[in-house]
Amino acid sequence: MPERRLEIAPDLIVLRVDNPGPMTLDGTRSYVLGRERLVIVDPGPDRPGQLDALAEIVDGREVALVLLTHSHADHSGAAPAAAARFDAELGASADTLARLEPGSGGRTLEDGEVLTPEPGSSVTVIHAPGHSADHVCYLAEPGRRLFAGDLVLGQGSSAILHPDGRVADCLASLARLIALRPGLLLPGHGPPVEAAMPRLEEYRRHRLERERQVRTAVEAGARTVPEIRETVYGRLSPGLTWAANASVAAHLAALAERGETVPDYAAWGADEEDAAVRD
């Protein structure tokens, strides 16, 4: 397992949260960006020691912003406390802020908004739904470094969590990120990806192939989400079964939106999402 703290560049440090699991891989990633006036991206879960670990990285410097890619608790749980501890502004999409604990506050970030935490640097807000409806990515300059949250992982594939996540949104978000031509991909789980463009293209191809597999399973006679999941994914560990069900349901919803006849999928994914992504 990699070290918990890794300096990627003089102005970029990643902190791996010690919360390994089927959905978090070897742990959720939190990032500290900047030299003197810092930005924290996804401060991580609300758990003992998390803010202390971030404080060691901050090392007394000013924190201008605490940014969230989305509201899942392994990314956002520590956000209100982090903003308070570092006397920083909390920023996220309006949808993410609405999903946080009441009273968390925060600044709504608009799509395309450019933040300038310190001279010579910028962070552009990119609304990028797909994994979830509230998801945002951030493109940091210099270096075209893309904070991808859970839209794209450092290894493996990311789930589309029906009904909150949508396949059409995911494909549109991937196309938008590809058009931006990022230089380095910084995921919410897994290691940084230096070959950002091939990774994004791979994700797009994978999503289209998954759609083909789901359609083929339906045409072959699979009549329930679990039957389709087993045909497409094979045997999975219990910790991944719910996410595969949710992704299958998302693909069935996409096919239904285009007028295709599909098995019932409405109930899959909704009940288990919060528990499965909680630290």
C-alpha atoms as a PDB file:
ATOM      1  CA  MET A   1       0.000   0.000   0.000  1.00  0.00           C
ATOM      2  CA  PRO A   2       1.405   3.479  -0.884  1.00  0.00           C
ATOM      3  CA  GLU A   3       2.494   5.973   1.724  1.00  0.00           C
ATOM      4  CA  ARG A   4      -0.326   8.030   3.212  1.00  0.00           C
ATOM      5  CA  ARG A   5       1.346  11.316   2.252  1.00  0.00           C
ATOM      6  CA  LEU A   6       2.965  11.930  -1.130  1.00  0.00           C
ATOM      7  CA  GLU A   7       4.422  15.125  -2.575  1.00  0.00           C
ATOM      8  CA  ILE A   8       3.472  15.098  -6.246  1.00  0.00           C
ATOM      9  CA  ALA A   9       4.978  18.545  -6.898  1.00  0.00           C
ATOM     10  CA  PRO A  10       6.257  21.448  -4.746  1.00  0.00           C
ATOM     11  CA  ASP A  11       2.727  22.871  -4.774  1.00  0.00           C
ATOM     12  CA  LEU A  12       0.726  19.629  -4.609  1.00  0.00           C
ATOM     13  CA  ILE A  13       0.514  17.012  -1.853  1.00  0.00           C
ATOM     14  CA  VAL A  14      -1.880  14.064  -1.732  1.00  0.00           C
ATOM     15  CA  LEU A  15      -3.076  12.504   1.522  1.00  0.00           C
ATOM     16  CA  ARG A  16      -4.416   8.952   1.303  1.00  0.00           C
ATOM     17  CA  VAL A  17      -7.101   8.347   3.898  1.00  0.00           C
ATOM     18  CA  ASP A  18      -6.724   5.049   5.739  1.00  0.00           C
ATOM     19  CA  ASN A  19     -10.186   3.796   4.735  1.00  0.00           C
ATOM     20  CA  PRO A  20      -9.599   0.931   2.270  1.00  0.00           C
ATOM     21  CA  GLY A  21     -12.603  -0.961   0.989  1.00  0.00           C
ATOM     22  CA  PRO A  22     -14.379  -2.272  -2.116  1.00  0.00           C
ATOM     23  CA  MET A  23     -15.549   1.216  -3.127  1.00  0.00           C
ATOM     24  CA  THR A  24     -12.621   3.259  -1.806  1.00  0.00           C
ATOM     25  CA  LEU A  25      -9.831   0.987  -3.143  1.00  0.00           C
ATOM     26  CA  ASP A  26      -6.763   1.658  -0.965  1.00  0.00           C
ATOM     27  CA  GLY A  27      -8.301   4.828   0.451  1.00  0.00           C
ATOM     28  CA  THR A  28      -9.910   8.121  -0.479  1.00  0.00           C
ATOM     29  CA  ARG A  29      -7.541  10.866  -1.662  1.00  0.00           C
ATOM     30  CA  SER A  30      -7.430  14.391  -0.258  1.00  0.00           C
ATOM     31  CA  TYR A  31      -5.303  17.010  -2.012  1.00  0.00           C
ATOM     32  CA  VAL A  32      -3.550  20.164  -0.807  1.00  0.00           C
ATOM     33  CA  LEU A  33      -2.754  22.541  -3.670  1.00  0.00           C
ATOM     34  CA  GLY A  34      -0.639  25.696  -3.568  1.00  0.00           C
ATOM     35  CA  ARG A  35       2.462  27.168  -1.973  1.00  0.00           C
ATOM     36  CA  GLU A  36       1.439  29.947   0.428  1.00  0.00           C
ATOM     37  CA  ARG A  37      -2.331  30.319   0.012  1.00  0.00           C
ATOM     38  CA  LEU A  38      -3.695  26.807  -0.216  1.00  0.00           C
ATOM     39  CA  VAL A  39      -6.676  24.912  -1.581  1.00  0.00           C
ATOM     40  CA  ILE A  40      -7.824  21.626  -0.053  1.00  0.00           C
ATOM     41  CA  VAL A  41      -9.751  19.398  -2.469  1.00  0.00           C
ATOM     42  CA  ASP A  42     -11.956  16.769  -0.798  1.00  0.00           C
ATOM     43  CA  PRO A  43     -10.831  16.902   2.847  1.00  0.00           C
ATOM     44  CA  GLY A  44     -12.077  13.358   3.370  1.00  0.00           C
ATOM     45  CA  PRO A  45     -14.283  11.575   5.902  1.00  0.00           C
ATOM     46  CA  ASP A  46     -15.193  12.739   9.379  1.00  0.00           C
ATOM     47  CA  ARG A  47     -12.876  10.482  11.328  1.00  0.00           C
ATOM     48  CA  PRO A  48     -10.297  10.880  14.112  1.00  0.00           C
ATOM     49  CA  GLY A  49      -6.955  12.216  12.940  1.00  0.00           C
ATOM     50  CA  GLN A  50      -8.034  13.328   9.466  1.00  0.00           C
ATOM     51  CA  LEU A  51      -7.889  17.064  10.153  1.00  0.00           C
ATOM     52  CA  ASP A  52      -4.653  16.665  12.104  1.00  0.00           C
ATOM     53  CA  ALA A  53      -3.073  14.954   9.085  1.00  0.00           C
ATOM     54  CA  LEU A  54      -4.222  17.796   6.835  1.00  0.00           C
ATOM     55  CA  ALA A  55      -2.932  20.348   9.355  1.00  0.00           C
ATOM     56  CA  GLU A  56       0.531  18.797   9.177  1.00  0.00           C
ATOM     57  CA  ILE A  57       0.529  19.400   5.434  1.00  0.00           C
ATOM     58  CA  VAL A  58      -0.884  22.911   5.761  1.00  0.00           C
ATOM     59  CA  ASP A  59       1.857  23.669   8.304  1.00  0.00           C
ATOM     60  CA  GLY A  60       0.496  27.038   9.385  1.00  0.00           C
ATOM     61  CA  ARG A  61      -0.079  28.415   5.889  1.00  0.00           C
ATOM     62  CA  GLU A  62      -3.317  30.134   4.878  1.00  0.00           C
ATOM     63  CA  VAL A  63      -6.054  27.943   3.428  1.00  0.00           C
ATOM     64  CA  ALA A  64      -8.187  29.953   1.028  1.00  0.00           C
ATOM     65  CA  LEU A  65     -10.666  27.286  -0.033  1.00  0.00           C
ATOM     66  CA  VAL A  66     -11.939  23.836   0.855  1.00  0.00           C
ATOM     67  CA  LEU A  67     -13.408  22.387  -2.349  1.00  0.00           C
ATOM     68  CA  LEU A  68     -15.631  19.335  -2.790  1.00  0.00           C
ATOM     69  CA  THR A  69     -16.022  17.208  -5.889  1.00  0.00           C
ATOM     70  CA  HIS A  70     -19.269  15.683  -4.554  1.00  0.00           C
ATOM     71  CA  SER A  71     -21.168  14.961  -1.373  1.00  0.00           C
ATOM     72  CA  HIS A  72     -20.311  11.317  -0.671  1.00  0.00           C
ATOM     73  CA  ALA A  73     -19.178  11.128   2.934  1.00  0.00           C
ATOM     74  CA  ASP A  74     -15.729   9.680   2.290  1.00  0.00           C
ATOM     75  CA  HIS A  75     -14.918  12.918   0.429  1.00  0.00           C
ATOM     76  CA  SER A  76     -17.035  15.496   2.235  1.00  0.00           C
ATOM     77  CA  GLY A  77     -17.541  14.316   5.812  1.00  0.00           C
ATOM     78  CA  ALA A  78     -14.721  16.464   7.206  1.00  0.00           C
ATOM     79  CA  ALA A  79     -15.507  19.495   5.043  1.00  0.00           C
ATOM     80  CA  PRO A  80     -17.411  21.729   7.487  1.00  0.00           C
ATOM     81  CA  ALA A  81     -14.906  21.046  10.260  1.00  0.00           C
ATOM     82  CA  ALA A  82     -11.984  21.610   7.876  1.00  0.00           C
ATOM     83  CA  ALA A  83     -13.391  24.956   6.745  1.00  0.00           C
ATOM     84  CA  ALA A  84     -13.816  25.986  10.378  1.00  0.00           C
ATOM     85  CA  ARG A  85     -10.407  24.765  11.537  1.00  0.00           C
ATOM     86  CA  PHE A  86      -8.498  26.449   8.716  1.00  0.00           C
ATOM     87  CA  ASP A  87     -10.772  29.518   8.598  1.00  0.00           C
ATOM     88  CA  ALA A  88     -11.392  28.821   4.915  1.00  0.00           C
ATOM     89  CA  GLU A  89     -14.327  29.168   2.551  1.00  0.00           C
ATOM     90  CA  LEU A  90     -16.136  25.932   1.674  1.00  0.00           C
ATOM     91  CA  GLY A  91     -16.974  25.667  -2.034  1.00  0.00           C
ATOM     92  CA  ALA A  92     -18.972  23.109  -4.015  1.00  0.00           C
ATOM     93  CA  SER A  93     -21.848  22.800  -6.449  1.00  0.00           C
ATOM     94  CA  ALA A  94     -25.236  23.957  -5.215  1.00  0.00           C
ATOM     95  CA  ASP A  95     -26.422  20.348  -5.248  1.00  0.00           C
ATOM     96  CA  THR A  96     -23.482  19.191  -3.121  1.00  0.00           C
ATOM     97  CA  LEU A  97     -24.001  21.955  -0.565  1.00  0.00           C
ATOM     98  CA  ALA A  98     -27.681  21.040  -0.311  1.00  0.00           C
ATOM     99  CA  ARG A  99     -26.728  17.452   0.529  1.00  0.00           C
ATOM    100  CA  LEU A 100     -24.368  18.297   3.384  1.00  0.00           C
ATOM    101  CA  GLU A 101     -25.432  18.401   6.998  1.00  0.00           C
ATOM    102  CA  PRO A 102     -27.770  21.337   7.721  1.00  0.00           C
ATOM    103  CA  GLY A 103     -25.849  24.415   8.742  1.00  0.00           C
ATOM    104  CA  SER A 104     -22.681  23.480   6.840  1.00  0.00           C
ATOM    105  CA  GLY A 105     -22.942  26.643   4.755  1.00  0.00           C
ATOM    106  CA  GLY A 106     -20.604  27.196   1.847  1.00  0.00           C
ATOM    107  CA  ARG A 107     -20.236  29.050  -1.429  1.00  0.00           C
ATOM    108  CA  THR A 108     -21.997  27.824  -4.550  1.00  0.00           C
ATOM    109  CA  LEU A 109     -19.521  27.328  -7.377  1.00  0.00           C
ATOM    110  CA  GLU A 110     -20.803  27.959 -10.879  1.00  0.00           C
ATOM    111  CA  ASP A 111     -19.805  25.911 -13.899  1.00  0.00           C
ATOM    112  CA  GLY A 112     -16.831  27.562 -15.594  1.00  0.00           C
ATOM    113  CA  GLU A 113     -16.034  29.784 -12.630  1.00  0.00           C
ATOM    114  CA  VAL A 114     -12.305  30.522 -12.294  1.00  0.00           C
ATOM    115  CA  LEU A 115     -10.863  30.708  -8.785  1.00  0.00           C
ATOM    116  CA  THR A 116      -7.510  32.418  -8.154  1.00  0.00           C
ATOM    117  CA  PRO A 117      -6.272  31.276  -4.736  1.00  0.00           C
ATOM    118  CA  GLU A 118      -2.804  32.786  -5.186  1.00  0.00           C
ATOM    119  CA  PRO A 119      -0.925  34.765  -7.855  1.00  0.00           C
ATOM    120  CA  GLY A 120       0.036  32.721 -10.901  1.00  0.00           C
ATOM    121  CA  SER A 121      -2.460  29.940 -10.268  1.00  0.00           C
ATOM    122  CA  SER A 122      -6.085  29.253 -11.083  1.00  0.00           C
ATOM    123  CA  VAL A 123      -8.691  26.563 -10.499  1.00  0.00           C
ATOM    124  CA  THR A 124     -11.571  26.219 -12.972  1.00  0.00           C
ATOM    125  CA  VAL A 125     -14.849  24.676 -11.833  1.00  0.00           C
ATOM    126  CA  ILE A 126     -16.213  22.006 -14.185  1.00  0.00           C
ATOM    127  CA  HIS A 127     -19.625  20.573 -13.436  1.00  0.00           C
ATOM    128  CA  ALA A 128     -19.214  16.914 -14.363  1.00  0.00           C
ATOM    129  CA  PRO A 129     -22.197  14.756 -13.343  1.00  0.00           C
ATOM    130  CA  GLY A 130     -22.304  11.046 -14.053  1.00  0.00           C
ATOM    131  CA  HIS A 131     -21.079   9.183 -11.009  1.00  0.00           C
ATOM    132  CA  SER A 132     -23.536  11.361  -9.107  1.00  0.00           C
ATOM    133  CA  ALA A 133     -25.694  14.305 -10.139  1.00  0.00           C
ATOM    134  CA  ASP A 134     -23.820  16.815  -7.966  1.00  0.00           C
ATOM    135  CA  HIS A 135     -20.316  15.949  -9.158  1.00  0.00           C
ATOM    136  CA  VAL A 136     -17.731  18.613 -10.003  1.00  0.00           C
ATOM    137  CA  CYS A 137     -14.154  18.395 -11.277  1.00  0.00           C
ATOM    138  CA  TYR A 138     -11.466  21.068 -11.009  1.00  0.00           C
ATOM    139  CA  LEU A 139      -8.779  22.001 -13.540  1.00  0.00           C
ATOM    140  CA  ALA A 140      -5.771  23.632 -11.897  1.00  0.00           C
ATOM    141  CA  GLU A 141      -3.190  25.766 -13.655  1.00  0.00           C
ATOM    142  CA  PRO A 142      -0.325  25.738 -14.180  1.00  0.00           C
ATOM    143  CA  GLY A 143       0.040  22.154 -15.335  1.00  0.00           C
ATOM    144  CA  ARG A 144      -3.535  21.373 -16.469  1.00  0.00           C
ATOM    145  CA  ARG A 145      -3.986  19.154 -13.434  1.00  0.00           C
ATOM    146  CA  LEU A 146      -7.470  17.670 -13.231  1.00  0.00           C
ATOM    147  CA  PHE A 147      -9.023  16.794  -9.859  1.00  0.00           C
ATOM    148  CA  ALA A 148     -11.403  14.095 -11.082  1.00  0.00           C
ATOM    149  CA  GLY A 149     -13.161  13.003  -7.883  1.00  0.00           C
ATOM    150  CA  ASP A 150     -15.028   9.764  -8.502  1.00  0.00           C
ATOM    151  CA  LEU A 151     -15.853  10.386 -12.152  1.00  0.00           C
ATOM    152  CA  VAL A 152     -12.542   8.748 -13.115  1.00  0.00           C
ATOM    153  CA  LEU A 153     -10.462   6.617 -10.747  1.00  0.00           C
ATOM    154  CA  GLY A 154      -6.760   5.909 -10.690  1.00  0.00           C
ATOM    155  CA  GLN A 155      -7.411   2.227 -11.295  1.00  0.00           C
ATOM    156  CA  GLY A 156     -10.444   0.173 -12.243  1.00  0.00           C
ATOM    157  CA  SER A 157     -13.754   1.730 -13.241  1.00  0.00           C
ATOM    158  CA  SER A 158     -16.145   4.027 -11.402  1.00  0.00           C
ATOM    159  CA  ALA A 159     -19.791   3.189 -10.730  1.00  0.00           C
ATOM    160  CA  ILE A 160     -22.707   5.198 -12.061  1.00  0.00           C
ATOM    161  CA  LEU A 161     -24.978   5.275  -9.043  1.00  0.00           C
ATOM    162  CA  HIS A 162     -28.565   5.067 -10.283  1.00  0.00           C
ATOM    163  CA  PRO A 163     -30.803   6.974  -9.847  1.00  0.00           C
ATOM    164  CA  ASP A 164     -28.481   9.837  -8.896  1.00  0.00           C
ATOM    165  CA  GLY A 165     -25.953   9.064 -11.617  1.00  0.00           C
ATOM    166  CA  ARG A 166     -26.820   8.916 -15.311  1.00  0.00           C
ATOM    167  CA  VAL A 167     -24.978   7.313 -18.221  1.00  0.00           C
ATOM    168  CA  ALA A 168     -25.704  10.201 -20.581  1.00  0.00           C
ATOM    169  CA  ASP A 169     -24.299  12.652 -18.047  1.00  0.00           C
ATOM    170  CA  CYS A 170     -21.196  10.507 -17.558  1.00  0.00           C
ATOM    171  CA  LEU A 171     -20.475  10.307 -21.284  1.00  0.00           C
ATOM    172  CA  ALA A 172     -21.042  14.046 -21.708  1.00  0.00           C
ATOM    173  CA  SER A 173     -18.734  14.813 -18.775  1.00  0.00           C
ATOM    174  CA  LEU A 174     -16.015  12.545 -20.133  1.00  0.00           C
ATOM    175  CA  ALA A 175     -16.289  14.213 -23.553  1.00  0.00           C
ATOM    176  CA  ARG A 176     -15.976  17.610 -21.919  1.00  0.00           C
ATOM    177  CA  LEU A 177     -12.892  16.596 -19.928  1.00  0.00           C
ATOM    178  CA  ILE A 178     -11.280  15.069 -23.020  1.00  0.00           C
ATOM    179  CA  ALA A 179     -11.780  18.365 -24.852  1.00  0.00           C
ATOM    180  CA  LEU A 180      -9.893  20.148 -22.057  1.00  0.00           C
ATOM    181  CA  ARG A 181      -6.830  17.944 -22.645  1.00  0.00           C
ATOM    182  CA  PRO A 182      -5.619  17.701 -19.031  1.00  0.00           C
ATOM    183  CA  GLY A 183      -2.001  16.854 -18.357  1.00  0.00           C
ATOM    184  CA  LEU A 184      -2.341  15.020 -15.025  1.00  0.00           C
ATOM    185  CA  LEU A 185      -5.380  13.257 -13.595  1.00  0.00           C
ATOM    186  CA  LEU A 186      -5.812  13.331  -9.808  1.00  0.00           C
ATOM    187  CA  PRO A 187      -8.550  10.863  -8.837  1.00  0.00           C
ATOM    188  CA  GLY A 188     -10.550  10.517  -5.650  1.00  0.00           C
ATOM    189  CA  HIS A 189      -9.331   6.915  -5.353  1.00  0.00           C
ATOM    190  CA  GLY A 190      -6.205   5.269  -6.678  1.00  0.00           C
ATOM    191  CA  PRO A 191      -2.890   6.775  -7.791  1.00  0.00           C
ATOM    192  CA  PRO A 192      -2.379   9.860  -9.981  1.00  0.00           C
ATOM    193  CA  VAL A 193      -2.566   9.161 -13.714  1.00  0.00           C
ATOM    194  CA  GLU A 194       0.106  10.888 -15.790  1.00  0.00           C
ATOM    195  CA  ALA A 195      -1.436   9.702 -19.072  1.00  0.00           C
ATOM    196  CA  ALA A 196      -4.675  11.572 -18.449  1.00  0.00           C
ATOM    197  CA  MET A 197      -5.957  11.611 -22.027  1.00  0.00           C
ATOM    198  CA  PRO A 198      -5.623   7.846 -22.644  1.00  0.00           C
ATOM    199  CA  ARG A 199      -7.305   7.223 -19.296  1.00  0.00           C
ATOM    200  CA  LEU A 200     -10.272   9.427 -20.154  1.00  0.00           C
ATOM    201  CA  GLU A 201     -10.607   7.804 -23.578  1.00  0.00           C
ATOM    202  CA  GLU A 202     -10.420   4.383 -21.935  1.00  0.00           C
ATOM    203  CA  TYR A 203     -13.264   5.329 -19.591  1.00  0.00           C
ATOM    204  CA  ARG A 204     -15.402   6.470 -22.494  1.00  0.00           C
ATOM    205  CA  ARG A 205     -14.807   3.220 -24.408  1.00  0.00           C
ATOM    206  CA  HIS A 206     -15.490   1.192 -21.278  1.00  0.00           C
ATOM    207  CA  ARG A 207     -18.818   2.917 -20.680  1.00  0.00           C
ATOM    208  CA  LEU A 208     -19.945   2.304 -24.267  1.00  0.00           C
ATOM    209  CA  GLU A 209     -18.840  -1.332 -24.051  1.00  0.00           C
ATOM    210  CA  ARG A 210     -20.753  -1.777 -20.795  1.00  0.00           C
ATOM    211  CA  GLU A 211     -23.884  -0.507 -22.528  1.00  0.00           C
ATOM    212  CA  ARG A 212     -23.390  -3.067 -25.292  1.00  0.00           C
ATOM    213  CA  GLN A 213     -22.978  -5.837 -22.708  1.00  0.00           C
ATOM    214  CA  VAL A 214     -26.141  -4.835 -20.856  1.00  0.00           C
ATOM    215  CA  ARG A 215     -28.155  -4.740 -24.084  1.00  0.00           C
ATOM    216  CA  THR A 216     -26.763  -8.124 -25.127  1.00  0.00           C
ATOM    217  CA  ALA A 217     -27.730  -9.636 -21.755  1.00  0.00           C
ATOM    218  CA  VAL A 218     -31.291  -8.339 -22.130  1.00  0.00           C
ATOM    219  CA  GLU A 219     -31.535  -9.665 -25.674  1.00  0.00           C
ATOM    220  CA  ALA A 220     -30.311 -13.047 -24.412  1.00  0.00           C
ATOM    221  CA  GLY A 221     -33.192 -13.246 -21.938  1.00  0.00           C
ATOM    222  CA  ALA A 222     -31.956 -11.725 -18.654  1.00  0.00           C
ATOM    223  CA  ARG A 223     -35.026 -10.296 -16.970  1.00  0.00           C
ATOM    224  CA  THR A 224     -33.863  -8.723 -13.709  1.00  0.00           C
ATOM    225  CA  VAL A 225     -31.075  -6.385 -12.672  1.00  0.00           C
ATOM    226  CA  PRO A 226     -29.268  -9.159 -10.713  1.00  0.00           C
ATOM    227  CA  GLU A 227     -29.494 -11.511 -13.708  1.00  0.00           C
ATOM    228  CA  ILE A 228     -28.023  -8.859 -15.988  1.00  0.00           C
ATOM    229  CA  ARG A 229     -25.349  -7.993 -13.425  1.00  0.00           C
ATOM    230  CA  GLU A 230     -24.251 -11.616 -13.138  1.00  0.00           C
ATOM    231  CA  THR A 231     -24.123 -11.976 -16.928  1.00  0.00           C
ATOM    232  CA  VAL A 232     -22.097  -8.793 -17.376  1.00  0.00           C
ATOM    233  CA  TYR A 233     -19.844  -8.830 -14.292  1.00  0.00           C
ATOM    234  CA  GLY A 234     -19.715 -12.457 -13.211  1.00  0.00           C
ATOM    235  CA  ARG A 235     -19.289 -13.199  -9.503  1.00  0.00           C
ATOM    236  CA  LEU A 236     -18.506 -10.162  -7.345  1.00  0.00           C
ATOM    237  CA  SER A 237     -17.677  -9.614  -3.703  1.00  0.00           C
ATOM    238  CA  PRO A 238     -20.649  -8.474  -1.589  1.00  0.00           C
ATOM    239  CA  GLY A 239     -19.137  -5.007  -1.262  1.00  0.00           C
ATOM    240  CA  LEU A 240     -19.262  -4.487  -5.032  1.00  0.00           C
ATOM    241  CA  THR A 241     -22.586  -6.148  -5.839  1.00  0.00           C
ATOM    242  CA  TRP A 242     -24.731  -3.141  -4.925  1.00  0.00           C
ATOM    243  CA  ALA A 243     -22.613  -0.780  -7.062  1.00  0.00           C
ATOM    244  CA  ALA A 244     -22.768  -3.138 -10.049  1.00  0.00           C
ATOM    245  CA  ASN A 245     -26.549  -3.346  -9.626  1.00  0.00           C
ATOM    246  CA  ALA A 246     -26.731   0.457  -9.586  1.00  0.00           C
ATOM    247  CA  SER A 247     -24.596   0.730 -12.725  1.00  0.00           C
ATOM    248  CA  VAL A 248     -26.703  -1.865 -14.542  1.00  0.00           C
ATOM    249  CA  ALA A 249     -29.833   0.063 -13.570  1.00  0.00           C
ATOM    250  CA  ALA A 250     -28.243   3.261 -14.885  1.00  0.00           C
ATOM    251  CA  HIS A 251     -27.573   1.606 -18.240  1.00  0.00           C
ATOM    252  CA  LEU A 252     -31.113   0.223 -18.400  1.00  0.00           C
ATOM    253  CA  ALA A 253     -32.428   3.717 -17.686  1.00  0.00           C
ATOM    254  CA  ALA A 254     -30.295   5.077 -20.537  1.00  0.00           C
ATOM    255  CA  LEU A 255     -31.638   2.457 -22.927  1.00  0.00           C
ATOM    256  CA  ALA A 256     -35.208   3.187 -21.817  1.00  0.00           C
ATOM    257  CA  GLU A 257     -34.671   6.909 -22.422  1.00  0.00           C
ATOM    258  CA  ARG A 258     -33.880   6.049 -26.043  1.00  0.00           C
ATOM    259  CA  GLY A 259     -37.104   4.054 -26.397  1.00  0.00           C
ATOM    260  CA  GLU A 260     -35.746   0.541 -25.937  1.00  0.00           C
ATOM    261  CA  THR A 261     -37.731  -2.059 -23.995  1.00  0.00           C
ATOM    262  CA  VAL A 262     -35.869  -3.100 -20.852  1.00  0.00           C
ATOM    263  CA  PRO A 263     -36.594  -4.948 -17.586  1.00  0.00           C
ATOM    264  CA  ASP A 264     -37.706  -2.959 -14.555  1.00  0.00           C
ATOM    265  CA  TYR A 265     -34.781  -1.136 -12.942  1.00  0.00           C
ATOM    266  CA  ALA A 266     -36.367   1.644 -10.887  1.00  0.00           C
ATOM    267  CA  ALA A 267     -35.686   0.279  -7.405  1.00  0.00           C
ATOM    268  CA  TRP A 268     -32.023  -0.616  -7.869  1.00  0.00           C
ATOM    269  CA  GLY A 269     -29.336   1.551  -6.313  1.00  0.00           C
ATOM    270  CA  ALA A 270     -31.436   4.019  -4.367  1.00  0.00           C
ATOM    271  CA  ASP A 271     -31.608   2.339  -0.968  1.00  0.00           C
ATOM    272  CA  GLU A 272     -27.988   1.292  -0.550  1.00  0.00           C
ATOM    273  CA  GLU A 273     -26.085   4.278  -1.918  1.00  0.00           C
ATOM    274  CA  ASP A 274     -25.630   6.303   1.268  1.00  0.00           C
ATOM    275  CA  ALA A 275     -24.480   3.344   3.358  1.00  0.00           C
ATOM    276  CA  ALA A 276     -22.111   2.025   0.739  1.00  0.00           C
ATOM    277  CA  VAL A 277     -20.172   5.244   0.258  1.00  0.00           C
ATOM    278  CA  ARG A 278     -20.018   6.153   3.947  1.00  0.00           C
ATOM    279  CA  ASP A 279     -16.627   5.691   5.615  1.00  0.00           C
END
